[in-house]
Amino acid sequence: MFAGQLISQSIPFLHLDDTAGKALQEMNDFHVSHLPIVADEKYLGLISEEVLLDNDEKSLLQHLHTDFIKPFVRQNDFFLLAVKRARDMHLSVVPVIAEQYELLGVISEDDLFRQLSIFSGIDEQGGIIVLEMEKNDFSAGELNRLIESNDAYITQLNSYFDTATQLLTVTIRINKTEISDIVATLQRHEYNIRYYNGEELYQNELQNNLDHLMNYLNI
């Protein structure tokens, strides 16, 4: 999904001759805390609710230009770049521009979360297994082989390196919910399973409780 495909058709643009009061009203009406400013259809930047509240409601936006911030993505950027912009700058909307800085529209925070949910497959049926391992031990090919040996397949695989633990966390989504055999297979191959969620969630919680008890008894 590309940024241009997520543009909201309802969130308005502001202009330099608009007042702070009008901008605040628009933000209130559309439940956002940022709005874009344009001049001759060119993107000038975003104004935040915080800045507007620090100024008189009759102030013209052209007098607040030093407080504009200028994040954006281009229409052909993958939508995850817009997610990163929103996260890094705490934005409620992310502007989308064309090649010559024409403002095409904005993507709302809600639409980004919705697309992120679809992208992560959170609503799809299936099981989830979370592994923790040394970075050098990771092999997507081996994981795929072990899971396919149990008549299942990986529908999504994500990983991130935790700098605090120096370990790689690998999250695997599998196409079926009966994952006890897969969990057992991974355990036989000495994979450290941090969490799993399928029809065996109840047993998973029991195992976690047992592990906590054994850790307590070993103190």
Protein backbone atom coordinates (compact mmCIF):
# COMPACT_ATOMS: atom_id res chain seq x y z
CA MET A 1 0.00 0.00 0.00
CA PHE A 2 1.41 3.36 -1.04
CA ALA A 3 0.93 6.69 0.74
CA GLY A 4 -1.10 8.19 -2.09
CA GLN A 5 -3.70 5.45 -1.69
CA LEU A 6 -4.41 6.39 1.94
CA ILE A 7 -5.10 10.10 1.49
CA SER A 8 -8.14 11.35 3.40
CA GLN A 9 -10.76 13.03 1.25
CA SER A 10 -12.24 15.02 4.11
CA ILE A 11 -9.47 16.70 6.14
CA PRO A 12 -9.12 20.32 4.96
CA PHE A 13 -6.12 22.50 4.12
CA LEU A 14 -5.39 25.88 5.71
CA HIS A 15 -4.20 29.06 4.00
CA LEU A 16 -1.93 31.89 5.10
CA ASP A 17 -4.82 34.32 5.47
CA ASP A 18 -6.72 31.97 7.81
CA THR A 19 -6.77 32.85 11.49
CA ALA A 20 -5.57 30.77 14.41
CA GLY A 21 -9.17 30.62 15.60
CA LYS A 22 -10.37 29.13 12.33
CA ALA A 23 -7.53 26.60 12.35
CA LEU A 24 -8.40 25.50 15.88
CA GLN A 25 -12.05 25.10 14.92
CA GLU A 26 -11.11 22.94 11.93
CA MET A 27 -8.90 20.79 14.13
CA ASN A 28 -11.71 20.36 16.60
CA ASP A 29 -14.20 19.48 13.84
CA PHE A 30 -11.94 16.83 12.31
CA HIS A 31 -10.41 15.52 15.56
CA VAL A 32 -6.78 16.21 14.64
CA SER A 33 -4.03 18.26 16.26
CA HIS A 34 -2.21 19.25 13.04
CA LEU A 35 -3.32 20.70 9.71
CA PRO A 36 -1.38 21.54 6.54
CA ILE A 37 -0.96 25.05 5.14
CA VAL A 38 -0.84 25.68 1.39
CA ALA A 39 -0.22 28.63 -0.92
CA ASP A 40 -1.01 28.21 -4.63
CA GLU A 41 -1.47 24.48 -3.90
CA LYS A 42 2.15 24.21 -2.71
CA TYR A 43 2.81 22.62 0.65
CA LEU A 44 4.24 25.08 3.19
CA GLY A 45 4.14 22.97 6.34
CA LEU A 46 2.02 21.83 9.26
CA ILE A 47 0.73 23.97 12.09
CA SER A 48 0.07 22.32 15.45
CA GLU A 49 -2.73 22.87 17.91
CA GLU A 50 -0.12 23.59 20.59
CA VAL A 51 1.29 26.53 18.61
CA LEU A 52 -2.16 27.92 17.87
CA LEU A 53 -3.18 27.84 21.52
CA ASP A 54 -0.13 29.95 22.36
CA ASN A 55 -1.33 32.73 20.03
CA ASP A 56 -4.28 35.05 19.78
CA GLU A 57 -7.17 33.46 17.87
CA LYS A 58 -7.19 36.45 15.49
CA SER A 59 -3.55 35.94 14.50
CA LEU A 60 -3.07 35.15 10.82
CA LEU A 61 -1.21 31.98 9.98
CA GLN A 62 1.21 33.92 7.79
CA HIS A 63 2.53 35.54 10.97
CA LEU A 64 3.22 32.09 12.48
CA HIS A 65 5.29 30.75 9.59
CA THR A 66 8.38 30.27 11.77
CA ASP A 67 6.40 27.69 13.75
CA PHE A 68 5.50 25.57 10.72
CA ILE A 69 6.99 22.08 10.68
CA LYS A 70 7.57 20.39 7.34
CA PRO A 71 7.25 16.61 7.48
CA PHE A 72 5.87 14.86 4.41
CA VAL A 73 5.91 11.70 2.33
CA ARG A 74 5.57 11.39 -1.43
CA GLN A 75 2.60 9.71 -3.03
CA ASN A 76 4.64 6.69 -4.18
CA ASP A 77 6.33 6.09 -0.82
CA PHE A 78 5.39 2.87 0.96
CA PHE A 79 2.94 3.64 3.76
CA LEU A 80 5.34 2.49 6.49
CA LEU A 81 7.38 5.63 5.86
CA ALA A 82 4.30 7.67 6.81
CA VAL A 83 3.97 5.56 9.96
CA LYS A 84 7.57 6.40 10.82
CA ARG A 85 6.99 10.12 10.23
CA ALA A 86 3.92 10.07 12.47
CA ARG A 87 5.74 8.20 15.21
CA ASP A 88 8.95 10.23 15.12
CA MET A 89 7.18 13.61 15.16
CA HIS A 90 4.01 12.68 17.09
CA LEU A 91 1.77 13.71 14.18
CA SER A 92 -1.98 13.31 13.90
CA VAL A 93 -1.76 13.69 10.10
CA VAL A 94 1.02 13.10 7.58
CA PRO A 95 1.05 15.30 4.42
CA VAL A 96 1.42 13.62 1.03
CA ILE A 97 3.00 15.65 -1.75
CA ALA A 98 3.61 15.31 -5.49
CA GLU A 99 6.97 15.84 -7.19
CA GLN A 100 6.72 19.64 -7.29
CA TYR A 101 5.60 19.94 -3.65
CA GLU A 102 1.92 20.18 -4.53
CA LEU A 103 -0.05 19.00 -1.52
CA LEU A 104 -2.23 16.07 -2.52
CA GLY A 105 -3.74 15.56 0.91
CA VAL A 106 -2.98 14.07 4.29
CA ILE A 107 -3.14 10.63 5.88
CA SER A 108 -4.81 10.57 9.27
CA GLU A 109 -3.31 8.75 12.23
CA ASP A 110 -6.41 6.53 12.40
CA ASP A 111 -6.00 5.47 8.77
CA LEU A 112 -2.33 4.68 9.38
CA PHE A 113 -3.18 2.46 12.34
CA ARG A 114 -5.93 0.78 10.33
CA GLN A 115 -3.55 0.01 7.47
CA LEU A 116 -0.86 -1.12 9.91
CA SER A 117 -3.37 -3.54 11.41
CA ILE A 118 -4.16 -4.95 7.96
CA PHE A 119 -0.46 -5.14 7.09
CA SER A 120 0.35 -7.05 10.27
CA GLY A 121 -2.46 -9.53 9.59
CA ILE A 122 -3.77 -9.09 13.11
CA ASP A 123 -7.34 -9.93 12.07
CA GLU A 124 -6.41 -13.02 10.08
CA GLN A 125 -7.01 -16.46 11.51
CA GLY A 126 -3.98 -18.43 12.57
CA GLY A 127 -1.46 -18.87 15.32
CA ILE A 128 1.40 -16.69 16.51
CA ILE A 129 4.73 -17.87 17.85
CA VAL A 130 7.39 -15.52 19.26
CA LEU A 131 10.97 -16.77 19.41
CA GLU A 132 14.07 -15.27 20.99
CA MET A 133 17.53 -16.20 19.76
CA GLU A 134 21.07 -15.13 19.05
CA LYS A 135 21.27 -13.12 15.86
CA ASN A 136 23.58 -15.67 14.20
CA ASP A 137 21.13 -18.50 14.93
CA PHE A 138 18.36 -17.05 12.80
CA SER A 139 17.51 -19.01 9.65
CA ALA A 140 14.24 -18.25 7.88
CA GLY A 141 14.77 -21.33 5.73
CA GLU A 142 15.04 -23.67 8.71
CA LEU A 143 12.01 -22.16 10.44
CA ASN A 144 10.00 -22.52 7.26
CA ARG A 145 11.10 -26.15 6.88
CA LEU A 146 10.19 -27.05 10.47
CA ILE A 147 6.78 -25.43 10.24
CA GLU A 148 6.00 -26.99 6.85
CA SER A 149 6.92 -30.40 8.32
CA ASN A 150 3.78 -29.98 10.45
CA ASP A 151 1.52 -29.31 7.44
CA ALA A 152 1.45 -25.56 8.02
CA TYR A 153 3.10 -22.54 6.46
CA ILE A 154 4.29 -19.10 7.51
CA THR A 155 1.98 -16.27 6.48
CA GLN A 156 4.13 -13.54 8.01
CA LEU A 157 7.53 -13.25 9.67
CA ASN A 158 8.88 -10.17 11.44
CA SER A 159 12.02 -9.67 13.46
CA TYR A 160 13.76 -7.01 15.48
CA PHE A 161 17.05 -6.85 17.35
CA ASP A 162 16.79 -5.85 21.00
CA THR A 163 19.89 -3.80 21.82
CA ALA A 164 19.25 -4.22 25.55
CA THR A 165 19.34 -8.03 25.50
CA GLN A 166 21.45 -8.40 22.34
CA LEU A 167 18.91 -10.98 21.17
CA LEU A 168 16.78 -11.25 18.07
CA THR A 169 13.02 -11.52 18.57
CA VAL A 170 11.23 -13.30 15.74
CA THR A 171 7.45 -13.22 15.43
CA ILE A 172 5.88 -15.83 13.18
CA ARG A 173 2.26 -15.94 12.07
CA ILE A 174 1.09 -19.36 10.94
CA ASN A 175 -1.93 -20.27 8.82
CA LYS A 176 -3.55 -22.56 11.39
CA THR A 177 -4.50 -22.28 15.04
CA GLU A 178 -3.63 -25.85 16.09
CA ILE A 179 0.03 -25.12 16.78
CA SER A 180 0.94 -27.50 19.60
CA ASP A 181 2.82 -29.82 17.23
CA ILE A 182 4.72 -26.85 15.76
CA VAL A 183 5.61 -25.58 19.23
CA ALA A 184 6.84 -29.05 20.19
CA THR A 185 8.92 -29.30 17.02
CA LEU A 186 10.56 -25.94 17.63
CA GLN A 187 11.27 -26.87 21.23
CA ARG A 188 12.90 -30.14 20.13
CA HIS A 189 15.20 -28.07 17.96
CA GLU A 190 16.08 -25.97 21.02
CA TYR A 191 14.31 -22.78 20.00
CA ASN A 192 13.50 -20.47 22.89
CA ILE A 193 9.75 -19.80 22.64
CA ARG A 194 8.78 -16.62 24.46
CA TYR A 195 5.08 -16.74 23.62
CA TYR A 196 2.53 -18.51 21.46
CA ASN A 197 -1.13 -17.95 20.77
CA GLY A 198 -3.44 -20.46 19.12
CA GLU A 199 -6.06 -22.89 20.33
CA GLU A 200 -3.49 -23.87 22.94
CA LEU A 201 -3.47 -20.41 24.56
CA TYR A 202 -4.83 -21.90 27.79
CA GLN A 203 -1.99 -24.43 27.96
CA ASN A 204 0.44 -21.63 27.09
CA GLU A 205 -0.75 -19.63 30.09
CA LEU A 206 -0.47 -22.69 32.32
CA GLN A 207 3.11 -23.23 31.17
CA ASN A 208 3.97 -19.59 31.85
CA ASN A 209 2.51 -19.89 35.35
CA LEU A 210 4.50 -23.07 35.94
CA ASP A 211 7.70 -21.39 34.76
CA HIS A 212 7.11 -18.48 37.14
CA LEU A 213 6.51 -20.93 40.01
CA MET A 214 9.67 -22.89 39.26
CA ASN A 215 11.69 -19.68 39.05
CA TYR A 216 10.27 -18.67 42.42
CA LEU A 217 11.14 -22.03 43.98
CA ASN A 218 14.67 -21.81 42.65
CA ILE A 219 15.32 -18.44 44.36
